[in-house]
N, C-alpha and C. Protein backbone atom coordinates (compact mmCIF):
# COMPACT_ATOMS: atom_id res chain seq x y z
N MET A 1 15.86 -4.37 -36.39
CA MET A 1 14.85 -5.34 -36.75
C MET A 1 14.21 -5.01 -37.96
N ASP A 2 14.09 -5.96 -39.05
CA ASP A 2 13.45 -5.72 -40.26
C ASP A 2 12.19 -6.71 -40.36
N LEU A 3 11.08 -5.99 -39.76
CA LEU A 3 9.73 -6.79 -39.59
C LEU A 3 9.07 -6.73 -40.87
N TRP A 4 8.48 -7.85 -41.22
CA TRP A 4 7.62 -8.04 -42.43
C TRP A 4 6.33 -8.73 -41.78
N VAL A 5 5.23 -8.26 -42.40
CA VAL A 5 3.82 -8.70 -42.04
C VAL A 5 3.26 -9.48 -43.27
N VAL A 6 2.90 -10.72 -43.04
CA VAL A 6 2.45 -11.41 -44.04
C VAL A 6 0.97 -11.65 -43.90
N ILE A 7 0.18 -11.55 -45.03
CA ILE A 7 -1.19 -11.66 -45.02
C ILE A 7 -1.66 -12.64 -46.14
N PRO A 8 -1.90 -13.85 -45.92
CA PRO A 8 -2.53 -14.70 -46.99
C PRO A 8 -4.05 -14.25 -47.39
N ALA A 9 -4.34 -14.44 -48.51
CA ALA A 9 -5.67 -13.65 -48.98
C ALA A 9 -6.19 -14.56 -50.16
N TYR A 10 -7.51 -14.95 -49.90
CA TYR A 10 -8.26 -15.68 -50.80
C TYR A 10 -9.69 -15.13 -50.90
N ASP A 11 -10.11 -14.42 -52.17
CA ASP A 11 -11.37 -13.92 -52.20
C ASP A 11 -11.84 -12.98 -51.01
N GLU A 12 -10.83 -12.00 -50.76
CA GLU A 12 -11.08 -11.15 -49.62
C GLU A 12 -11.27 -9.74 -50.07
N GLU A 13 -11.83 -9.49 -51.31
CA GLU A 13 -12.02 -8.19 -51.93
C GLU A 13 -12.77 -7.37 -50.88
N ARG A 14 -13.80 -7.70 -50.27
CA ARG A 14 -14.70 -7.03 -49.55
C ARG A 14 -14.04 -6.63 -48.14
N SER A 15 -13.17 -7.53 -47.49
CA SER A 15 -12.64 -7.28 -46.27
C SER A 15 -11.26 -6.78 -46.08
N ILE A 16 -10.53 -7.12 -47.12
CA ILE A 16 -9.15 -6.90 -46.91
C ILE A 16 -8.84 -5.25 -46.82
N GLY A 17 -9.76 -4.43 -47.30
CA GLY A 17 -9.35 -3.07 -47.27
C GLY A 17 -9.56 -2.64 -45.66
N ALA A 18 -10.32 -3.15 -44.86
CA ALA A 18 -10.25 -2.69 -43.51
C ALA A 18 -9.06 -3.09 -42.76
N THR A 19 -8.49 -4.46 -43.22
CA THR A 19 -7.23 -4.89 -42.48
C THR A 19 -6.21 -3.98 -42.94
N LEU A 20 -6.03 -3.67 -44.20
CA LEU A 20 -4.87 -2.78 -44.74
C LEU A 20 -4.99 -1.49 -44.07
N ARG A 21 -6.11 -0.85 -43.94
CA ARG A 21 -6.26 0.43 -43.25
C ARG A 21 -5.71 0.52 -41.92
N ARG A 22 -6.09 -0.86 -41.16
CA ARG A 22 -5.51 -0.85 -39.74
C ARG A 22 -4.05 -1.00 -39.77
N LEU A 23 -3.50 -1.69 -40.81
CA LEU A 23 -1.97 -1.74 -40.80
C LEU A 23 -1.34 -0.42 -41.12
N ALA A 24 -2.03 0.18 -42.02
CA ALA A 24 -1.49 1.63 -42.34
C ALA A 24 -1.49 2.75 -41.23
N GLU A 25 -2.34 2.30 -40.32
CA GLU A 25 -2.68 3.17 -39.09
C GLU A 25 -1.81 2.71 -37.92
N GLN A 26 -0.90 1.79 -38.13
CA GLN A 26 -0.12 1.17 -36.92
C GLN A 26 0.71 2.50 -36.37
N ASN A 27 0.83 2.50 -35.00
CA ASN A 27 1.62 3.40 -34.27
C ASN A 27 3.16 3.29 -34.78
N ASP A 28 3.62 2.05 -34.98
CA ASP A 28 5.00 1.85 -35.35
C ASP A 28 4.78 1.45 -36.79
N ALA A 29 5.15 2.14 -37.87
CA ALA A 29 4.91 2.02 -39.28
C ALA A 29 6.11 1.33 -39.86
N ASP A 30 7.18 0.99 -39.07
CA ASP A 30 8.41 0.57 -39.55
C ASP A 30 8.26 -1.05 -39.83
N PHE A 31 7.67 -1.40 -41.02
CA PHE A 31 7.50 -2.70 -41.37
C PHE A 31 7.15 -2.86 -42.86
N THR A 32 7.47 -3.90 -43.39
CA THR A 32 7.01 -4.06 -44.82
C THR A 32 5.74 -5.13 -44.95
N LEU A 33 4.84 -4.99 -45.57
CA LEU A 33 3.53 -5.61 -45.71
C LEU A 33 3.77 -6.35 -47.04
N VAL A 34 3.36 -7.86 -46.94
CA VAL A 34 3.23 -8.57 -48.16
C VAL A 34 2.01 -9.28 -47.89
N VAL A 35 0.95 -9.07 -49.23
CA VAL A 35 -0.23 -9.83 -49.09
C VAL A 35 -0.04 -10.86 -50.15
N VAL A 36 -0.45 -12.03 -49.86
CA VAL A 36 -0.15 -13.26 -50.71
C VAL A 36 -1.52 -13.68 -51.31
N ASP A 37 -1.71 -13.37 -52.69
CA ASP A 37 -3.14 -13.53 -53.28
C ASP A 37 -3.07 -15.13 -53.56
N ASN A 38 -3.86 -15.90 -52.98
CA ASN A 38 -3.92 -17.09 -52.95
C ASN A 38 -4.80 -17.77 -54.12
N GLY A 39 -4.65 -17.18 -55.32
CA GLY A 39 -5.52 -17.64 -56.43
C GLY A 39 -7.01 -17.07 -56.40
N SER A 40 -7.05 -15.93 -55.78
CA SER A 40 -8.40 -15.34 -55.71
C SER A 40 -9.16 -15.21 -57.16
N THR A 41 -10.47 -15.33 -57.01
CA THR A 41 -11.29 -15.21 -58.17
C THR A 41 -12.14 -13.96 -58.23
N ASP A 42 -11.99 -13.15 -57.14
CA ASP A 42 -12.66 -12.06 -57.20
C ASP A 42 -11.58 -10.69 -57.37
N GLY A 43 -11.86 -9.62 -56.89
CA GLY A 43 -11.02 -8.53 -57.06
C GLY A 43 -9.87 -8.28 -56.03
N THR A 44 -9.49 -9.23 -55.26
CA THR A 44 -8.73 -8.98 -54.13
C THR A 44 -7.27 -8.39 -54.50
N ALA A 45 -6.80 -8.97 -55.54
CA ALA A 45 -5.37 -8.27 -55.86
C ALA A 45 -5.62 -6.88 -56.32
N ASP A 46 -6.58 -6.64 -57.10
CA ASP A 46 -6.78 -5.15 -57.56
C ASP A 46 -7.23 -4.23 -56.14
N ALA A 47 -8.03 -4.70 -55.35
CA ALA A 47 -8.21 -4.08 -54.15
C ALA A 47 -6.84 -3.67 -53.32
N VAL A 48 -6.01 -4.83 -53.32
CA VAL A 48 -4.60 -4.58 -52.68
C VAL A 48 -3.70 -3.55 -53.32
N ARG A 49 -3.77 -3.61 -54.68
CA ARG A 49 -3.00 -2.74 -55.59
C ARG A 49 -3.47 -1.18 -55.37
N ALA A 50 -4.82 -1.10 -55.33
CA ALA A 50 -5.50 0.26 -55.33
C ALA A 50 -5.21 0.76 -53.86
N PHE A 51 -5.15 0.02 -52.97
CA PHE A 51 -4.75 0.52 -51.59
C PHE A 51 -3.30 0.85 -51.53
N ALA A 52 -2.42 0.18 -52.05
CA ALA A 52 -1.01 0.44 -52.17
C ALA A 52 -0.87 1.84 -52.99
N GLU A 53 -1.51 1.99 -54.07
CA GLU A 53 -1.38 3.44 -54.77
C GLU A 53 -1.94 4.59 -53.86
N ALA A 54 -2.96 4.34 -53.22
CA ALA A 54 -3.49 5.42 -52.32
C ALA A 54 -2.75 5.67 -51.03
N HIS A 55 -1.90 4.63 -50.67
CA HIS A 55 -1.08 4.73 -49.42
C HIS A 55 0.40 4.54 -49.77
N PRO A 56 1.10 5.62 -50.34
CA PRO A 56 2.21 5.32 -50.74
C PRO A 56 3.45 5.19 -49.56
N LYS A 57 2.98 5.80 -48.62
CA LYS A 57 4.00 5.58 -47.42
C LYS A 57 4.19 4.04 -46.85
N LEU A 58 2.99 3.26 -47.15
CA LEU A 58 3.02 2.00 -46.59
C LEU A 58 3.80 1.00 -47.59
N ASP A 59 4.76 0.35 -46.99
CA ASP A 59 5.66 -0.54 -47.98
C ASP A 59 4.71 -1.80 -48.25
N LEU A 60 3.88 -1.75 -49.35
CA LEU A 60 2.91 -2.91 -49.42
C LEU A 60 3.39 -3.53 -50.60
N ARG A 61 3.54 -4.82 -50.44
CA ARG A 61 3.79 -5.75 -51.76
C ARG A 61 2.76 -6.77 -51.88
N ILE A 62 2.68 -7.40 -53.23
CA ILE A 62 1.66 -8.38 -53.40
C ILE A 62 2.43 -9.47 -54.16
N VAL A 63 2.19 -10.84 -53.79
CA VAL A 63 2.83 -11.91 -54.43
C VAL A 63 1.69 -12.94 -54.68
N VAL A 64 1.96 -13.95 -55.56
CA VAL A 64 0.84 -14.84 -55.85
C VAL A 64 1.27 -16.23 -55.57
N GLU A 65 0.33 -16.90 -54.96
CA GLU A 65 0.66 -18.34 -54.71
C GLU A 65 -0.51 -19.14 -55.19
N PRO A 66 -0.32 -19.83 -56.26
CA PRO A 66 -1.43 -20.61 -56.99
C PRO A 66 -2.05 -21.89 -56.23
N GLU A 67 -1.17 -22.42 -55.34
CA GLU A 67 -1.50 -23.58 -54.57
C GLU A 67 -2.44 -23.29 -53.42
N LYS A 68 -3.76 -23.71 -53.59
CA LYS A 68 -4.79 -23.40 -52.62
C LYS A 68 -4.28 -23.76 -51.05
N GLY A 69 -4.80 -22.88 -50.17
CA GLY A 69 -4.66 -23.20 -48.81
C GLY A 69 -3.83 -22.14 -48.17
N THR A 70 -4.23 -21.77 -46.79
CA THR A 70 -3.59 -20.71 -46.15
C THR A 70 -2.22 -21.12 -45.82
N GLY A 71 -1.92 -22.22 -45.59
CA GLY A 71 -0.58 -22.86 -45.29
C GLY A 71 0.46 -22.58 -46.35
N ALA A 72 -0.09 -22.92 -47.66
CA ALA A 72 0.68 -22.42 -48.76
C ALA A 72 0.89 -21.06 -49.08
N ALA A 73 -0.16 -20.37 -48.88
CA ALA A 73 0.07 -18.85 -49.02
C ALA A 73 0.98 -18.24 -47.80
N SER A 74 0.68 -18.78 -46.64
CA SER A 74 1.53 -18.10 -45.63
C SER A 74 3.12 -18.55 -45.80
N ASP A 75 3.30 -19.88 -46.44
CA ASP A 75 4.52 -20.08 -46.43
C ASP A 75 5.33 -19.32 -47.50
N THR A 76 4.61 -19.13 -48.63
CA THR A 76 5.15 -18.15 -49.76
C THR A 76 5.42 -17.03 -49.32
N GLY A 77 4.61 -16.20 -48.50
CA GLY A 77 4.77 -14.90 -47.91
C GLY A 77 6.02 -14.77 -46.90
N VAL A 78 6.11 -15.73 -46.22
CA VAL A 78 7.32 -15.87 -45.28
C VAL A 78 8.66 -16.09 -45.95
N ARG A 79 8.65 -16.95 -46.93
CA ARG A 79 9.70 -17.14 -47.90
C ARG A 79 10.11 -15.93 -48.63
N HIS A 80 9.04 -15.34 -49.14
CA HIS A 80 9.35 -14.08 -49.84
C HIS A 80 10.02 -12.97 -48.97
N ALA A 81 9.55 -12.94 -47.76
CA ALA A 81 9.94 -11.79 -46.58
C ALA A 81 11.45 -12.19 -46.28
N ILE A 82 11.73 -13.31 -46.19
CA ILE A 82 13.01 -13.67 -45.76
C ILE A 82 14.06 -13.54 -46.94
N ALA A 83 13.62 -13.83 -48.04
CA ALA A 83 14.44 -13.68 -49.27
C ALA A 83 14.74 -12.23 -49.51
N ALA A 84 13.75 -11.45 -49.19
CA ALA A 84 13.96 -9.92 -49.25
C ALA A 84 14.70 -9.31 -48.08
N GLY A 85 15.12 -10.14 -47.08
CA GLY A 85 15.74 -9.49 -46.00
C GLY A 85 15.23 -9.39 -44.57
N ALA A 86 13.96 -10.01 -44.54
CA ALA A 86 13.25 -9.90 -43.18
C ALA A 86 14.05 -10.62 -42.22
N THR A 87 14.16 -10.10 -40.96
CA THR A 87 14.83 -10.72 -39.82
C THR A 87 13.70 -11.19 -38.80
N HIS A 88 12.57 -10.84 -39.08
CA HIS A 88 11.42 -11.03 -38.19
C HIS A 88 10.04 -11.15 -38.94
N VAL A 89 9.09 -11.87 -38.76
CA VAL A 89 7.89 -11.99 -39.48
C VAL A 89 6.73 -12.19 -38.55
N ALA A 90 5.74 -11.31 -38.91
CA ALA A 90 4.38 -11.47 -38.09
C ALA A 90 3.45 -11.74 -39.07
N ARG A 91 2.36 -12.60 -38.74
CA ARG A 91 1.28 -12.92 -39.70
C ARG A 91 0.08 -12.68 -39.13
N THR A 92 -0.90 -12.03 -40.06
CA THR A 92 -2.39 -11.92 -39.69
C THR A 92 -3.28 -12.42 -40.91
N ASP A 93 -4.42 -12.34 -40.62
CA ASP A 93 -5.24 -12.72 -41.70
C ASP A 93 -5.91 -11.57 -42.42
N ALA A 94 -6.43 -11.72 -43.55
CA ALA A 94 -7.03 -10.77 -44.52
C ALA A 94 -8.37 -10.07 -43.95
N ASP A 95 -8.89 -10.86 -42.94
CA ASP A 95 -10.12 -10.45 -42.40
C ASP A 95 -9.96 -10.15 -40.82
N CYS A 96 -8.79 -9.90 -40.57
CA CYS A 96 -8.41 -9.44 -39.03
C CYS A 96 -8.32 -7.74 -39.10
N LEU A 97 -8.51 -7.43 -37.91
CA LEU A 97 -8.28 -5.96 -37.67
C LEU A 97 -7.23 -5.65 -36.52
N PRO A 98 -5.91 -5.77 -36.91
CA PRO A 98 -4.90 -5.45 -35.86
C PRO A 98 -5.04 -4.33 -35.07
N HIS A 99 -4.96 -4.42 -33.75
CA HIS A 99 -5.04 -3.11 -33.02
C HIS A 99 -4.03 -2.18 -33.48
N ARG A 100 -4.06 -0.83 -33.12
CA ARG A 100 -3.01 0.18 -33.62
C ARG A 100 -1.72 -0.07 -33.12
N ASP A 101 -1.53 -0.76 -32.09
CA ASP A 101 -0.17 -0.88 -31.47
C ASP A 101 0.37 -2.37 -31.69
N TRP A 102 -0.26 -3.14 -32.71
CA TRP A 102 -0.02 -4.57 -32.86
C TRP A 102 1.49 -4.78 -33.29
N THR A 103 1.95 -3.81 -34.37
CA THR A 103 3.30 -4.01 -34.72
C THR A 103 4.31 -3.74 -33.73
N ALA A 104 4.07 -2.67 -32.95
CA ALA A 104 4.97 -2.23 -31.73
C ALA A 104 5.03 -3.32 -30.77
N ALA A 105 3.77 -4.07 -30.50
CA ALA A 105 3.85 -4.91 -29.56
C ALA A 105 4.61 -6.23 -30.08
N VAL A 106 4.53 -6.45 -31.36
CA VAL A 106 5.34 -7.69 -31.71
C VAL A 106 6.67 -7.44 -31.58
N LYS A 107 7.24 -6.31 -31.98
CA LYS A 107 8.47 -5.85 -31.96
C LYS A 107 9.14 -5.96 -30.49
N ARG A 108 8.17 -5.39 -29.49
CA ARG A 108 8.63 -5.59 -28.07
C ARG A 108 8.86 -6.96 -27.70
N ALA A 109 7.90 -7.89 -28.13
CA ALA A 109 8.07 -9.09 -27.69
C ALA A 109 9.34 -9.85 -28.31
N PHE A 110 9.53 -9.66 -29.63
CA PHE A 110 10.87 -10.18 -30.09
C PHE A 110 12.06 -9.60 -29.34
N ASP A 111 12.08 -8.26 -29.10
CA ASP A 111 13.01 -7.60 -28.53
C ASP A 111 13.31 -8.32 -27.09
N ASP A 112 12.26 -8.70 -26.46
CA ASP A 112 12.40 -9.49 -25.19
C ASP A 112 12.98 -10.76 -25.20
N GLY A 113 13.38 -11.23 -26.49
CA GLY A 113 13.87 -12.63 -26.61
C GLY A 113 12.87 -13.65 -27.04
N LEU A 114 11.68 -13.34 -27.21
CA LEU A 114 10.62 -14.38 -27.58
C LEU A 114 10.97 -14.60 -29.00
N GLU A 115 10.86 -16.02 -29.44
CA GLU A 115 10.94 -16.40 -30.84
C GLU A 115 9.69 -16.69 -31.49
N MET A 116 8.57 -16.80 -30.67
CA MET A 116 7.20 -16.91 -31.48
C MET A 116 6.20 -16.17 -30.58
N VAL A 117 5.24 -15.26 -31.15
CA VAL A 117 4.44 -14.43 -30.33
C VAL A 117 3.11 -14.74 -30.95
N SER A 118 1.93 -14.62 -30.03
CA SER A 118 0.72 -14.51 -30.45
C SER A 118 -0.06 -13.40 -29.58
N GLY A 119 -1.30 -13.28 -29.94
CA GLY A 119 -2.12 -12.23 -29.23
C GLY A 119 -3.45 -12.50 -29.07
N PRO A 120 -4.22 -11.61 -28.50
CA PRO A 120 -5.86 -12.02 -28.34
C PRO A 120 -6.51 -12.01 -29.54
N LEU A 121 -7.44 -12.75 -29.82
CA LEU A 121 -8.30 -12.86 -30.93
C LEU A 121 -9.63 -12.39 -30.41
N ARG A 122 -10.31 -11.44 -31.30
CA ARG A 122 -11.66 -11.02 -31.06
C ARG A 122 -12.20 -11.11 -32.38
N PRO A 123 -13.55 -11.54 -32.45
CA PRO A 123 -14.31 -11.64 -33.75
C PRO A 123 -14.61 -10.15 -34.21
N ARG A 124 -14.60 -10.04 -35.52
CA ARG A 124 -14.95 -8.78 -36.06
C ARG A 124 -16.49 -8.48 -36.02
N THR A 125 -16.81 -7.41 -35.84
CA THR A 125 -18.16 -6.89 -35.93
C THR A 125 -18.63 -6.16 -37.09
N ASP A 126 -17.73 -5.73 -37.84
CA ASP A 126 -18.01 -5.02 -39.18
C ASP A 126 -18.48 -5.61 -40.33
N GLU A 127 -18.41 -6.95 -40.29
CA GLU A 127 -18.68 -7.71 -41.51
C GLU A 127 -20.04 -8.11 -41.64
N PHE A 128 -20.39 -8.48 -40.26
CA PHE A 128 -21.82 -8.93 -40.04
C PHE A 128 -22.16 -8.77 -38.78
N PRO A 129 -23.42 -8.53 -38.31
CA PRO A 129 -23.77 -8.19 -37.05
C PRO A 129 -23.66 -9.62 -36.07
N LEU A 130 -22.87 -9.66 -35.04
CA LEU A 130 -22.65 -10.70 -34.27
C LEU A 130 -23.67 -10.44 -32.82
N LYS A 131 -24.14 -11.48 -32.45
CA LYS A 131 -25.28 -11.35 -31.33
C LYS A 131 -24.20 -11.26 -30.09
N LEU A 132 -24.67 -10.74 -28.92
CA LEU A 132 -23.92 -10.46 -27.73
C LEU A 132 -23.27 -11.88 -27.47
N TRP A 133 -24.06 -12.83 -27.29
CA TRP A 133 -23.59 -14.16 -26.87
C TRP A 133 -22.46 -14.71 -27.77
N GLU A 134 -22.57 -14.36 -29.09
CA GLU A 134 -21.45 -14.73 -30.11
C GLU A 134 -20.13 -13.92 -29.80
N ARG A 135 -20.30 -12.84 -29.47
CA ARG A 135 -19.03 -11.92 -29.15
C ARG A 135 -18.32 -12.31 -27.97
N ARG A 136 -19.16 -12.95 -27.11
CA ARG A 136 -18.54 -13.48 -25.67
C ARG A 136 -18.31 -14.91 -25.91
N LEU A 137 -18.64 -15.73 -26.69
CA LEU A 137 -18.52 -17.07 -26.93
C LEU A 137 -16.97 -17.25 -27.36
N LEU A 138 -16.84 -16.80 -28.53
CA LEU A 138 -15.52 -17.06 -29.18
C LEU A 138 -14.31 -16.80 -28.18
N PRO A 139 -14.22 -15.71 -27.58
CA PRO A 139 -13.12 -15.46 -26.74
C PRO A 139 -13.04 -16.48 -25.37
N SER A 140 -14.36 -16.76 -25.16
CA SER A 140 -14.18 -17.81 -24.02
C SER A 140 -13.87 -18.97 -24.48
N VAL A 141 -14.29 -19.63 -25.46
CA VAL A 141 -13.71 -20.68 -25.99
C VAL A 141 -12.26 -20.90 -26.24
N ILE A 142 -11.69 -19.76 -26.91
CA ILE A 142 -10.19 -19.65 -26.97
C ILE A 142 -9.54 -19.64 -25.68
N ALA A 143 -10.07 -18.83 -24.80
CA ALA A 143 -9.36 -18.91 -23.26
C ALA A 143 -9.49 -20.33 -22.63
N ALA A 144 -10.57 -20.92 -22.86
CA ALA A 144 -10.75 -22.45 -22.20
C ALA A 144 -9.68 -23.34 -22.77
N ALA A 145 -9.55 -23.12 -24.29
CA ALA A 145 -8.72 -24.01 -24.87
C ALA A 145 -7.15 -23.80 -24.53
N ALA A 146 -6.91 -22.47 -24.35
CA ALA A 146 -5.53 -22.16 -23.86
C ALA A 146 -5.27 -22.52 -22.55
N LEU A 147 -6.19 -22.58 -21.69
CA LEU A 147 -6.01 -22.91 -20.30
C LEU A 147 -5.87 -24.47 -20.34
N PHE A 148 -6.60 -25.25 -20.99
CA PHE A 148 -6.51 -26.71 -21.15
C PHE A 148 -5.18 -26.88 -21.64
N GLY A 149 -4.62 -26.25 -22.70
CA GLY A 149 -3.32 -26.54 -23.29
C GLY A 149 -2.27 -26.39 -22.32
N ARG A 150 -2.33 -25.41 -21.36
CA ARG A 150 -1.25 -25.23 -20.37
C ARG A 150 -1.19 -26.40 -19.54
N PHE A 151 -2.28 -27.10 -19.02
CA PHE A 151 -2.22 -28.21 -18.16
C PHE A 151 -2.33 -29.55 -18.62
N ARG A 152 -2.60 -29.65 -19.99
CA ARG A 152 -2.58 -30.92 -20.60
C ARG A 152 -1.34 -31.69 -20.42
N PRO A 153 -1.26 -32.87 -19.71
CA PRO A 153 0.03 -33.49 -19.44
C PRO A 153 0.91 -33.76 -20.86
N GLY A 154 0.42 -33.91 -22.05
CA GLY A 154 0.99 -34.17 -23.11
C GLY A 154 1.79 -32.81 -23.63
N ASN A 155 1.37 -31.65 -23.14
CA ASN A 155 2.07 -30.49 -23.55
C ASN A 155 3.06 -30.05 -22.57
N GLN A 156 3.32 -30.77 -21.44
CA GLN A 156 4.29 -30.40 -20.23
C GLN A 156 5.63 -30.76 -20.92
N ASP A 157 6.65 -30.10 -20.53
CA ASP A 157 7.99 -30.20 -21.01
C ASP A 157 8.39 -31.08 -19.76
N PRO A 158 8.94 -32.30 -20.11
CA PRO A 158 9.36 -33.30 -18.95
C PRO A 158 10.43 -32.59 -17.97
N CYS A 159 11.17 -31.74 -18.69
CA CYS A 159 12.34 -31.18 -17.73
C CYS A 159 11.77 -30.08 -16.93
N THR A 160 10.80 -29.42 -17.32
CA THR A 160 10.15 -28.39 -16.47
C THR A 160 9.33 -29.12 -15.32
N SER A 161 8.60 -30.22 -15.77
CA SER A 161 7.62 -30.80 -14.98
C SER A 161 8.47 -31.53 -13.69
N ALA A 162 9.64 -31.96 -13.97
CA ALA A 162 10.43 -32.62 -12.97
C ALA A 162 10.64 -31.69 -11.74
N ARG A 163 10.81 -30.36 -12.06
CA ARG A 163 11.20 -29.24 -11.03
C ARG A 163 9.91 -28.83 -10.39
N THR A 164 8.82 -28.90 -10.86
CA THR A 164 7.67 -28.35 -10.04
C THR A 164 7.18 -29.36 -9.20
């Protein structure tokens, strides 16, 4: 498996370092990382380059996508990864803090035959102080939306529904 991790980034100079540190600390470090600078007006690209220089064991690349938007930046990163030989792609955001076993978990899921994988989302607490209710609200809202999505009639596969 040739896993690539794609990170779209726009004006993330202050937060991308923490994300890159978490990725450099992965238990399974056998992946290539591509940060897509989405036309940042701050020092995002310089911060990524400096991190790459300080962490030569991390296969970290940076590409530029001038068209604004996370979708355009993500698409550019995925296309770049595939053109460079990626067989599997994972994606996170420049302000996320992946758990230390995130890449290993992604690989296990792909090895189990899954074609698309997601994981739990938790709000960051290192950028700004969140109140206790805010730290509990976001995961609860996500869980409620996921539960609704499972049972919403429009989301049901007609072939599967007929059997149950």
